[in-house]
Amino acid sequence: MTVRKTVIGIMAAGMLLMNSGCARSPVVTYYTMSALAPETSSATADPRGIAVGPVTVPDLVDRPQLVTRISANKVNILESHRWAEPLKSEIPRLLAENLALLMRPARVSTYDQSASRSAEYRVVVDILRFESAPGEGVMVEALWSVRREADGMVEKGHSIAREPADGTGYEALVAAHGRALATISKDMARALTISMSQP
């Protein structure tokens, strides 16, 4: 009888440990950035096609987790706060959505879409820095180029966008990254407009 009680006690303790372990499992929150609001867009008179990509991102942030900078030499990789899709696909999608608003009625697609094969213009982007500072804001630095496929003419640009965080949470940092990419999209739209106006 004593042995049986001991075995039952061990099993009960094991169940409690398993249940308490499950209770301590962190809840993962997923984030995504937003494109420009329609009212902030402008229109052009050029319906030509624009393809966005390829887009590269730094290895440091090329991961599912959000990465925040703690100091000049220290970062935090947040296991329970993650991007809803890889930045390598989310950033070009967001840039394409922004340019579709800014360059109406141009046809804008991302590099991996079939429509990009017939695009008259290609925007290639190298994200150099994609930094988040909790409670402060974000900074995005990008080298980019606009290529006219007909003659190979290239307009190059270098954009640095800083945005404060409207709040202390990680959602505020993600929203700030969306605004920073909107600023960079406007720089690209200006270069595209200039390229389309040239013979």
C-alpha atoms as a PDB file:
ATOM      1  CA  MET A   1       0.000   0.000   0.000  1.00  0.00           C
ATOM      2  CA  THR A   2       2.850   2.373   0.876  1.00  0.00           C
ATOM      3  CA  VAL A   3       4.563   1.714  -2.471  1.00  0.00           C
ATOM      4  CA  ARG A   4       1.307   2.364  -4.329  1.00  0.00           C
ATOM      5  CA  LYS A   5       0.797   5.638  -2.500  1.00  0.00           C
ATOM      6  CA  THR A   6       4.373   6.642  -3.308  1.00  0.00           C
ATOM      7  CA  VAL A   7       3.907   5.902  -7.028  1.00  0.00           C
ATOM      8  CA  ILE A   8       0.639   7.838  -7.089  1.00  0.00           C
ATOM      9  CA  GLY A   9       2.326  10.715  -5.317  1.00  0.00           C
ATOM     10  CA  ILE A  10       5.166  10.778  -7.842  1.00  0.00           C
ATOM     11  CA  MET A  11       2.696  10.704 -10.747  1.00  0.00           C
ATOM     12  CA  ALA A  12       0.681  13.533  -9.223  1.00  0.00           C
ATOM     13  CA  ALA A  13       3.825  15.596  -8.710  1.00  0.00           C
ATOM     14  CA  GLY A  14       4.814  14.961 -12.320  1.00  0.00           C
ATOM     15  CA  MET A  15       1.429  16.115 -13.561  1.00  0.00           C
ATOM     16  CA  LEU A  16       1.691  19.277 -11.467  1.00  0.00           C
ATOM     17  CA  LEU A  17       5.139  20.011 -12.897  1.00  0.00           C
ATOM     18  CA  MET A  18       3.877  19.473 -16.452  1.00  0.00           C
ATOM     19  CA  ASN A  19       0.877  21.713 -15.878  1.00  0.00           C
ATOM     20  CA  SER A  20       2.945  24.418 -14.233  1.00  0.00           C
ATOM     21  CA  GLY A  21       5.414  24.239 -17.121  1.00  0.00           C
ATOM     22  CA  CYS A  22       2.616  24.745 -19.621  1.00  0.00           C
ATOM     23  CA  ALA A  23       1.278  27.649 -17.603  1.00  0.00           C
ATOM     24  CA  ARG A  24       4.664  29.356 -17.766  1.00  0.00           C
ATOM     25  CA  SER A  25       4.993  29.074 -21.564  1.00  0.00           C
ATOM     26  CA  PRO A  26       5.216  32.629 -22.923  1.00  0.00           C
ATOM     27  CA  VAL A  27       2.520  33.910 -25.236  1.00  0.00           C
ATOM     28  CA  VAL A  28       4.003  34.933 -28.597  1.00  0.00           C
ATOM     29  CA  THR A  29       2.794  38.232 -30.075  1.00  0.00           C
ATOM     30  CA  TYR A  30       3.088  38.770 -33.849  1.00  0.00           C
ATOM     31  CA  TYR A  31       3.540  42.149 -35.543  1.00  0.00           C
ATOM     32  CA  THR A  32       3.172  43.594 -39.023  1.00  0.00           C
ATOM     33  CA  MET A  33       3.819  47.059 -40.465  1.00  0.00           C
ATOM     34  CA  SER A  34       1.221  49.262 -42.153  1.00  0.00           C
ATOM     35  CA  ALA A  35       1.443  51.039 -45.497  1.00  0.00           C
ATOM     36  CA  LEU A  36       0.716  54.696 -46.155  1.00  0.00           C
ATOM     37  CA  ALA A  37      -2.814  55.896 -45.528  1.00  0.00           C
ATOM     38  CA  PRO A  38      -4.604  56.557 -48.855  1.00  0.00           C
ATOM     39  CA  GLU A  39      -5.127  60.252 -48.086  1.00  0.00           C
ATOM     40  CA  THR A  40      -1.357  60.785 -47.892  1.00  0.00           C
ATOM     41  CA  SER A  41      -0.829  59.596 -51.465  1.00  0.00           C
ATOM     42  CA  SER A  42      -0.499  61.591 -54.639  1.00  0.00           C
ATOM     43  CA  ALA A  43      -1.157  60.662 -58.247  1.00  0.00           C
ATOM     44  CA  THR A  44       0.930  60.648 -61.415  1.00  0.00           C
ATOM     45  CA  ALA A  45      -0.205  60.363 -64.989  1.00  0.00           C
ATOM     46  CA  ASP A  46       2.031  57.408 -65.819  1.00  0.00           C
ATOM     47  CA  PRO A  47       0.534  53.892 -65.852  1.00  0.00           C
ATOM     48  CA  ARG A  48       3.813  52.057 -66.423  1.00  0.00           C
ATOM     49  CA  GLY A  49       4.918  49.038 -64.379  1.00  0.00           C
ATOM     50  CA  ILE A  50       7.248  49.166 -61.382  1.00  0.00           C
ATOM     51  CA  ALA A  51       8.835  46.128 -59.735  1.00  0.00           C
ATOM     52  CA  VAL A  52      10.232  46.356 -56.195  1.00  0.00           C
ATOM     53  CA  GLY A  53      13.094  44.025 -55.322  1.00  0.00           C
ATOM     54  CA  PRO A  54      15.167  42.248 -54.591  1.00  0.00           C
ATOM     55  CA  VAL A  55      15.421  43.723 -51.085  1.00  0.00           C
ATOM     56  CA  THR A  56      18.198  42.732 -48.685  1.00  0.00           C
ATOM     57  CA  VAL A  57      18.131  43.158 -44.902  1.00  0.00           C
ATOM     58  CA  PRO A  58      20.946  42.958 -42.320  1.00  0.00           C
ATOM     59  CA  ASP A  59      21.648  39.480 -40.946  1.00  0.00           C
ATOM     60  CA  LEU A  60      21.098  40.809 -37.416  1.00  0.00           C
ATOM     61  CA  VAL A  61      17.375  41.378 -38.031  1.00  0.00           C
ATOM     62  CA  ASP A  62      16.839  38.657 -40.632  1.00  0.00           C
ATOM     63  CA  ARG A  63      15.056  36.432 -38.110  1.00  0.00           C
ATOM     64  CA  PRO A  64      11.482  35.934 -36.845  1.00  0.00           C
ATOM     65  CA  GLN A  65      12.122  37.713 -33.537  1.00  0.00           C
ATOM     66  CA  LEU A  66      12.079  41.471 -33.038  1.00  0.00           C
ATOM     67  CA  VAL A  67      15.564  42.780 -32.251  1.00  0.00           C
ATOM     68  CA  THR A  68      16.012  45.863 -30.083  1.00  0.00           C
ATOM     69  CA  ARG A  69      19.178  47.811 -29.416  1.00  0.00           C
ATOM     70  CA  ILE A  70      20.043  48.174 -25.737  1.00  0.00           C
ATOM     71  CA  SER A  71      23.374  49.988 -26.180  1.00  0.00           C
ATOM     72  CA  ALA A  72      26.046  50.539 -28.803  1.00  0.00           C
ATOM     73  CA  ASN A  73      27.313  46.982 -28.259  1.00  0.00           C
ATOM     74  CA  LYS A  74      24.270  45.110 -26.972  1.00  0.00           C
ATOM     75  CA  VAL A  75      20.996  43.947 -28.515  1.00  0.00           C
ATOM     76  CA  ASN A  76      18.003  42.012 -27.248  1.00  0.00           C
ATOM     77  CA  ILE A  77      16.398  39.232 -29.344  1.00  0.00           C
ATOM     78  CA  LEU A  78      12.771  39.003 -28.226  1.00  0.00           C
ATOM     79  CA  GLU A  79      11.597  35.400 -28.367  1.00  0.00           C
ATOM     80  CA  SER A  80       7.961  36.230 -27.535  1.00  0.00           C
ATOM     81  CA  HIS A  81       7.654  39.199 -29.943  1.00  0.00           C
ATOM     82  CA  ARG A  82       7.912  38.197 -33.602  1.00  0.00           C
ATOM     83  CA  TRP A  83       7.271  39.405 -37.138  1.00  0.00           C
ATOM     84  CA  ALA A  84       4.181  37.921 -38.763  1.00  0.00           C
ATOM     85  CA  GLU A  85       6.185  37.370 -41.960  1.00  0.00           C
ATOM     86  CA  PRO A  86       9.927  37.518 -42.756  1.00  0.00           C
ATOM     87  CA  LEU A  87      11.258  41.053 -43.177  1.00  0.00           C
ATOM     88  CA  LYS A  88      12.709  39.993 -46.547  1.00  0.00           C
ATOM     89  CA  SER A  89       9.145  39.634 -47.834  1.00  0.00           C
ATOM     90  CA  GLU A  90       7.332  42.173 -45.645  1.00  0.00           C
ATOM     91  CA  ILE A  91       9.568  45.138 -46.516  1.00  0.00           C
ATOM     92  CA  PRO A  92       9.259  44.782 -50.329  1.00  0.00           C
ATOM     93  CA  ARG A  93       5.509  44.217 -49.982  1.00  0.00           C
ATOM     94  CA  LEU A  94       5.185  47.381 -47.882  1.00  0.00           C
ATOM     95  CA  LEU A  95       7.346  49.439 -50.257  1.00  0.00           C
ATOM     96  CA  ALA A  96       5.271  48.195 -53.197  1.00  0.00           C
ATOM     97  CA  GLU A  97       2.013  49.132 -51.445  1.00  0.00           C
ATOM     98  CA  ASN A  98       3.371  52.597 -50.678  1.00  0.00           C
ATOM     99  CA  LEU A  99       4.587  53.165 -54.238  1.00  0.00           C
ATOM    100  CA  ALA A 100       1.254  51.966 -55.621  1.00  0.00           C
ATOM    101  CA  LEU A 101      -0.377  54.829 -53.691  1.00  0.00           C
ATOM    102  CA  LEU A 102       2.303  57.401 -54.445  1.00  0.00           C
ATOM    103  CA  MET A 103       2.621  56.563 -58.156  1.00  0.00           C
ATOM    104  CA  ARG A 104      -1.018  55.977 -59.149  1.00  0.00           C
ATOM    105  CA  PRO A 105      -1.962  54.657 -61.689  1.00  0.00           C
ATOM    106  CA  ALA A 106       1.369  52.867 -62.107  1.00  0.00           C
ATOM    107  CA  ARG A 107       1.250  49.072 -61.755  1.00  0.00           C
ATOM    108  CA  VAL A 108       3.475  48.124 -58.812  1.00  0.00           C
ATOM    109  CA  SER A 109       4.493  44.560 -57.939  1.00  0.00           C
ATOM    110  CA  THR A 110       7.166  42.847 -55.899  1.00  0.00           C
ATOM    111  CA  TYR A 111      10.154  41.077 -57.421  1.00  0.00           C
ATOM    112  CA  ASP A 112       8.707  37.579 -56.940  1.00  0.00           C
ATOM    113  CA  GLN A 113       5.371  38.349 -58.603  1.00  0.00           C
ATOM    114  CA  SER A 114       4.786  37.428 -62.245  1.00  0.00           C
ATOM    115  CA  ALA A 115       3.802  41.035 -63.073  1.00  0.00           C
ATOM    116  CA  SER A 116       7.364  42.151 -62.299  1.00  0.00           C
ATOM    117  CA  ARG A 117       8.649  40.508 -65.497  1.00  0.00           C
ATOM    118  CA  SER A 118       6.953  43.125 -67.678  1.00  0.00           C
ATOM    119  CA  ALA A 119       7.793  46.112 -65.465  1.00  0.00           C
ATOM    120  CA  GLU A 120       9.426  49.106 -67.117  1.00  0.00           C
ATOM    121  CA  TYR A 121      11.146  50.154 -63.867  1.00  0.00           C
ATOM    122  CA  ARG A 122      12.878  48.171 -61.145  1.00  0.00           C
ATOM    123  CA  VAL A 123      13.613  49.369 -57.615  1.00  0.00           C
ATOM    124  CA  VAL A 124      16.429  47.477 -55.857  1.00  0.00           C
ATOM    125  CA  VAL A 125      16.875  48.080 -52.131  1.00  0.00           C
ATOM    126  CA  ASP A 126      19.651  47.289 -49.665  1.00  0.00           C
ATOM    127  CA  ILE A 127      18.526  47.914 -46.081  1.00  0.00           C
ATOM    128  CA  LEU A 128      21.738  48.785 -44.232  1.00  0.00           C
ATOM    129  CA  ARG A 129      20.275  49.414 -40.776  1.00  0.00           C
ATOM    130  CA  PHE A 130      16.911  48.513 -39.248  1.00  0.00           C
ATOM    131  CA  GLU A 131      17.218  49.519 -35.611  1.00  0.00           C
ATOM    132  CA  SER A 132      14.724  49.707 -32.754  1.00  0.00           C
ATOM    133  CA  ALA A 133      15.260  51.437 -29.399  1.00  0.00           C
ATOM    134  CA  PRO A 134      12.473  50.724 -26.881  1.00  0.00           C
ATOM    135  CA  GLY A 135      10.785  53.852 -25.570  1.00  0.00           C
ATOM    136  CA  GLU A 136      12.701  56.009 -28.066  1.00  0.00           C
ATOM    137  CA  GLY A 137      12.198  55.197 -31.729  1.00  0.00           C
ATOM    138  CA  VAL A 138      13.610  53.573 -34.841  1.00  0.00           C
ATOM    139  CA  MET A 139      16.087  54.241 -37.605  1.00  0.00           C
ATOM    140  CA  VAL A 140      16.091  52.723 -41.081  1.00  0.00           C
ATOM    141  CA  GLU A 141      18.949  53.337 -43.510  1.00  0.00           C
ATOM    142  CA  ALA A 142      18.745  52.145 -47.110  1.00  0.00           C
ATOM    143  CA  LEU A 143      20.689  52.288 -50.333  1.00  0.00           C
ATOM    144  CA  TRP A 144      18.408  51.959 -53.328  1.00  0.00           C
ATOM    145  CA  SER A 145      18.363  52.355 -57.079  1.00  0.00           C
ATOM    146  CA  VAL A 146      15.698  52.949 -59.713  1.00  0.00           C
ATOM    147  CA  ARG A 147      16.527  51.336 -63.054  1.00  0.00           C
ATOM    148  CA  ARG A 148      14.713  52.080 -66.311  1.00  0.00           C
ATOM    149  CA  GLU A 149      14.717  48.778 -68.159  1.00  0.00           C
ATOM    150  CA  ALA A 150      14.426  50.274 -71.662  1.00  0.00           C
ATOM    151  CA  ASP A 151      17.859  51.906 -71.636  1.00  0.00           C
ATOM    152  CA  GLY A 152      19.437  50.887 -68.321  1.00  0.00           C
ATOM    153  CA  MET A 153      19.383  54.405 -66.902  1.00  0.00           C
ATOM    154  CA  VAL A 154      19.811  54.282 -63.113  1.00  0.00           C
ATOM    155  CA  GLU A 155      18.912  56.780 -60.395  1.00  0.00           C
ATOM    156  CA  LYS A 156      20.608  55.983 -57.085  1.00  0.00           C
ATOM    157  CA  GLY A 157      19.560  57.076 -53.628  1.00  0.00           C
ATOM    158  CA  HIS A 158      20.559  56.881 -49.977  1.00  0.00           C
ATOM    159  CA  SER A 159      17.809  57.358 -47.399  1.00  0.00           C
ATOM    160  CA  ILE A 160      17.982  57.605 -43.618  1.00  0.00           C
ATOM    161  CA  ALA A 161      14.638  57.763 -41.826  1.00  0.00           C
ATOM    162  CA  ARG A 162      14.245  58.256 -38.074  1.00  0.00           C
ATOM    163  CA  GLU A 163      10.878  58.011 -36.356  1.00  0.00           C
ATOM    164  CA  PRO A 164       9.995  58.386 -32.674  1.00  0.00           C
ATOM    165  CA  ALA A 165       7.905  55.706 -30.988  1.00  0.00           C
ATOM    166  CA  ASP A 166       4.426  56.924 -30.052  1.00  0.00           C
ATOM    167  CA  GLY A 167       4.385  54.828 -26.891  1.00  0.00           C
ATOM    168  CA  THR A 168       6.515  52.466 -24.843  1.00  0.00           C
ATOM    169  CA  GLY A 169       5.424  49.080 -26.223  1.00  0.00           C
ATOM    170  CA  TYR A 170       6.803  47.036 -29.101  1.00  0.00           C
ATOM    171  CA  GLU A 171       3.739  47.781 -31.234  1.00  0.00           C
ATOM    172  CA  ALA A 172       4.775  51.460 -31.161  1.00  0.00           C
ATOM    173  CA  LEU A 173       8.224  50.509 -32.474  1.00  0.00           C
ATOM    174  CA  VAL A 174       6.700  48.452 -35.294  1.00  0.00           C
ATOM    175  CA  ALA A 175       4.409  51.364 -36.248  1.00  0.00           C
ATOM    176  CA  ALA A 176       7.440  53.685 -36.276  1.00  0.00           C
ATOM    177  CA  HIS A 177       9.232  51.313 -38.671  1.00  0.00           C
ATOM    178  CA  GLY A 178       6.220  51.514 -40.979  1.00  0.00           C
ATOM    179  CA  ARG A 179       6.433  55.321 -40.973  1.00  0.00           C
ATOM    180  CA  ALA A 180      10.188  55.198 -41.622  1.00  0.00           C
ATOM    181  CA  LEU A 181       9.672  52.944 -44.641  1.00  0.00           C
ATOM    182  CA  ALA A 182       6.959  55.338 -45.848  1.00  0.00           C
ATOM    183  CA  THR A 183       9.530  58.151 -45.808  1.00  0.00           C
ATOM    184  CA  ILE A 184      11.947  56.028 -47.836  1.00  0.00           C
ATOM    185  CA  SER A 185       9.110  55.147 -50.243  1.00  0.00           C
ATOM    186  CA  LYS A 186       8.557  58.870 -50.873  1.00  0.00           C
ATOM    187  CA  ASP A 187      12.256  59.286 -51.726  1.00  0.00           C
ATOM    188  CA  MET A 188      11.938  56.453 -54.240  1.00  0.00           C
ATOM    189  CA  ALA A 189       8.738  57.926 -55.672  1.00  0.00           C
ATOM    190  CA  ARG A 190      10.504  61.218 -56.349  1.00  0.00           C
ATOM    191  CA  ALA A 191      13.298  59.401 -58.193  1.00  0.00           C
ATOM    192  CA  LEU A 192      10.773  57.385 -60.193  1.00  0.00           C
ATOM    193  CA  THR A 193       8.887  60.549 -61.160  1.00  0.00           C
ATOM    194  CA  ILE A 194      12.123  62.156 -62.377  1.00  0.00           C
ATOM    195  CA  SER A 195      13.095  59.037 -64.345  1.00  0.00           C
ATOM    196  CA  MET A 196       9.656  58.784 -65.965  1.00  0.00           C
ATOM    197  CA  SER A 197       9.792  62.429 -67.022  1.00  0.00           C
ATOM    198  CA  GLN A 198      13.095  62.035 -68.862  1.00  0.00           C
ATOM    199  CA  PRO A 199      13.143  61.037 -72.538  1.00  0.00           C
END
